[in-house]
Structures are given as structure tokens and as C-alpha cells.
Amino acid sequence: MKIAEEEKDFELVKEKNDKKKNYIFKKDSTTKTGFYIIVVILIILTAVTIYYGLQTME
């Protein structure tokens, strides 16, 4: 039954001082920096895709 209990305690974001092991992201500066880098890359890729899509319509 321990596995079922662990699945119920699953968290998306873990607090910095929490000792849980069932989480995806840790709430620290590395996670925030990585998130911002990924967002910037996605924005650049979207802008480039729109730009080249408009170029082919001419």
C-alpha cells in the first residue's frame, strides 16, 4: 500500500526545504532560470516561424 500512498502525495512543484521525493520541479533559482530560458526559446521559434510563414505568402 505504500506505492498508492506515494501517488497521492505527488506534487508538481516542491518547496525548497521540503524533503519529499514525489515532485517534478523544485522551487529554486535553477528551475526559474531554466523556465525563462525555455520560454524565450519558444518565443523566438514562434516569431521565426511566423516570419518565414509570411515570407512564403508573398
N, C-alpha and C. Protein backbone atom coordinates (compact mmCIF):
# COMPACT_ATOMS: atom_id res chain seq x y z
N MET A 1 0.80 -1.20 0.00
CA MET A 1 0.00 0.00 0.00
C MET A 1 0.85 1.27 0.00
N LYS A 2 2.12 1.16 0.19
CA LYS A 2 2.97 2.34 0.25
C LYS A 2 3.01 3.06 -1.10
N ILE A 3 2.98 2.32 -2.20
CA ILE A 3 3.01 2.94 -3.52
C ILE A 3 1.76 3.78 -3.74
N ALA A 4 0.61 3.29 -3.37
CA ALA A 4 -0.63 4.05 -3.53
C ALA A 4 -0.60 5.33 -2.71
N GLU A 5 -0.04 5.29 -1.53
CA GLU A 5 0.07 6.48 -0.71
C GLU A 5 1.01 7.49 -1.32
N GLU A 6 2.10 7.04 -1.93
CA GLU A 6 3.05 7.95 -2.56
C GLU A 6 2.44 8.63 -3.77
N GLU A 7 1.60 7.92 -4.52
CA GLU A 7 0.97 8.52 -5.68
C GLU A 7 0.02 9.64 -5.26
N LYS A 8 -0.61 9.52 -4.13
CA LYS A 8 -1.50 10.56 -3.64
C LYS A 8 -0.72 11.80 -3.19
N ASP A 9 0.51 11.63 -2.77
CA ASP A 9 1.32 12.75 -2.29
C ASP A 9 2.11 13.43 -3.40
N PHE A 10 1.85 13.10 -4.65
CA PHE A 10 2.59 13.63 -5.78
C PHE A 10 2.37 15.13 -5.90
N GLU A 11 3.46 15.88 -6.14
CA GLU A 11 3.38 17.33 -6.30
C GLU A 11 4.08 17.76 -7.58
N LEU A 12 3.58 18.81 -8.20
CA LEU A 12 4.20 19.34 -9.39
C LEU A 12 5.43 20.18 -9.03
N VAL A 13 5.29 21.01 -8.00
CA VAL A 13 6.40 21.87 -7.56
C VAL A 13 6.67 21.58 -6.09
N LYS A 14 7.95 21.37 -5.77
CA LYS A 14 8.36 21.09 -4.40
C LYS A 14 8.97 22.34 -3.79
N GLU A 15 8.62 22.61 -2.56
CA GLU A 15 9.25 23.73 -1.86
C GLU A 15 10.72 23.43 -1.63
N LYS A 16 11.51 24.45 -1.48
CA LYS A 16 12.97 24.30 -1.37
C LYS A 16 13.40 23.42 -0.20
N ASN A 17 12.78 23.57 0.97
CA ASN A 17 13.20 22.83 2.16
C ASN A 17 12.40 21.57 2.42
N ASP A 18 11.48 21.22 1.52
CA ASP A 18 10.66 20.03 1.69
C ASP A 18 11.48 18.78 1.33
N LYS A 19 11.31 17.70 2.06
CA LYS A 19 12.12 16.50 1.84
C LYS A 19 11.38 15.43 1.03
N LYS A 20 10.26 15.77 0.39
CA LYS A 20 9.51 14.80 -0.41
C LYS A 20 10.30 14.41 -1.65
N LYS A 21 10.01 13.22 -2.16
CA LYS A 21 10.67 12.75 -3.37
C LYS A 21 9.73 12.70 -4.56
N ASN A 22 8.43 12.90 -4.34
CA ASN A 22 7.45 12.83 -5.41
C ASN A 22 7.16 14.22 -5.96
N TYR A 23 8.01 14.72 -6.84
CA TYR A 23 7.83 16.04 -7.42
C TYR A 23 8.49 16.09 -8.79
N ILE A 24 8.11 17.08 -9.59
CA ILE A 24 8.73 17.27 -10.90
C ILE A 24 9.72 18.42 -10.86
N PHE A 25 9.30 19.56 -10.31
CA PHE A 25 10.14 20.74 -10.24
C PHE A 25 10.42 21.13 -8.80
N LYS A 26 11.60 21.68 -8.58
CA LYS A 26 11.97 22.21 -7.28
C LYS A 26 11.82 23.73 -7.35
N LYS A 27 11.34 24.35 -6.31
CA LYS A 27 11.16 25.79 -6.30
C LYS A 27 12.48 26.44 -5.90
N ASP A 28 13.38 26.64 -6.89
CA ASP A 28 14.66 27.28 -6.64
C ASP A 28 15.06 28.10 -7.86
N SER A 29 16.19 28.76 -7.78
CA SER A 29 16.60 29.66 -8.86
C SER A 29 16.96 28.92 -10.14
N THR A 30 17.45 27.69 -10.04
CA THR A 30 17.80 26.92 -11.24
C THR A 30 16.56 26.61 -12.05
N THR A 31 15.50 26.22 -11.39
CA THR A 31 14.25 25.92 -12.09
C THR A 31 13.68 27.17 -12.74
N LYS A 32 13.71 28.29 -12.04
CA LYS A 32 13.20 29.54 -12.60
C LYS A 32 14.02 29.97 -13.81
N THR A 33 15.34 29.87 -13.71
CA THR A 33 16.20 30.25 -14.83
C THR A 33 15.95 29.35 -16.04
N GLY A 34 15.85 28.06 -15.82
CA GLY A 34 15.55 27.13 -16.91
C GLY A 34 14.21 27.41 -17.55
N PHE A 35 13.21 27.73 -16.74
CA PHE A 35 11.88 28.05 -17.25
C PHE A 35 11.95 29.28 -18.15
N TYR A 36 12.65 30.33 -17.71
CA TYR A 36 12.74 31.54 -18.51
C TYR A 36 13.50 31.31 -19.81
N ILE A 37 14.55 30.50 -19.78
CA ILE A 37 15.30 30.19 -21.00
C ILE A 37 14.41 29.46 -21.99
N ILE A 38 13.65 28.49 -21.52
CA ILE A 38 12.75 27.74 -22.41
C ILE A 38 11.67 28.64 -22.99
N VAL A 39 11.12 29.54 -22.18
CA VAL A 39 10.08 30.46 -22.67
C VAL A 39 10.66 31.37 -23.76
N VAL A 40 11.85 31.89 -23.55
CA VAL A 40 12.47 32.77 -24.55
C VAL A 40 12.72 32.00 -25.84
N ILE A 41 13.22 30.78 -25.75
CA ILE A 41 13.47 29.98 -26.95
C ILE A 41 12.16 29.71 -27.70
N LEU A 42 11.09 29.39 -26.98
CA LEU A 42 9.80 29.16 -27.63
C LEU A 42 9.26 30.42 -28.30
N ILE A 43 9.45 31.57 -27.67
CA ILE A 43 9.01 32.82 -28.28
C ILE A 43 9.79 33.10 -29.55
N ILE A 44 11.11 32.89 -29.52
CA ILE A 44 11.94 33.11 -30.71
C ILE A 44 11.54 32.16 -31.83
N LEU A 45 11.33 30.88 -31.51
CA LEU A 45 10.92 29.92 -32.53
C LEU A 45 9.56 30.28 -33.13
N THR A 46 8.65 30.73 -32.31
CA THR A 46 7.33 31.14 -32.80
C THR A 46 7.45 32.36 -33.72
N ALA A 47 8.25 33.34 -33.33
CA ALA A 47 8.44 34.53 -34.15
C ALA A 47 9.08 34.19 -35.49
N VAL A 48 10.07 33.33 -35.48
CA VAL A 48 10.75 32.94 -36.72
C VAL A 48 9.78 32.17 -37.62
N THR A 49 8.98 31.29 -37.04
CA THR A 49 8.01 30.53 -37.82
C THR A 49 6.98 31.45 -38.48
N ILE A 50 6.50 32.42 -37.72
CA ILE A 50 5.53 33.38 -38.29
C ILE A 50 6.19 34.21 -39.38
N TYR A 51 7.41 34.66 -39.14
CA TYR A 51 8.13 35.47 -40.12
C TYR A 51 8.30 34.71 -41.44
N TYR A 52 8.80 33.48 -41.39
CA TYR A 52 9.01 32.71 -42.60
C TYR A 52 7.68 32.28 -43.23
N GLY A 53 6.65 32.11 -42.43
CA GLY A 53 5.33 31.81 -42.98
C GLY A 53 4.78 32.99 -43.77
N LEU A 54 5.01 34.19 -43.29
CA LEU A 54 4.57 35.38 -44.02
C LEU A 54 5.41 35.61 -45.27
N GLN A 55 6.68 35.21 -45.25
CA GLN A 55 7.54 35.37 -46.42
C GLN A 55 7.08 34.50 -47.59
N THR A 56 6.56 33.33 -47.31
CA THR A 56 6.14 32.43 -48.38
C THR A 56 4.80 32.84 -48.97
N MET A 57 4.06 33.71 -48.30
CA MET A 57 2.76 34.16 -48.80
C MET A 57 2.91 35.26 -49.86
N GLU A 58 4.06 35.87 -49.97
CA GLU A 58 4.26 36.97 -50.91
C GLU A 58 4.39 36.51 -52.31
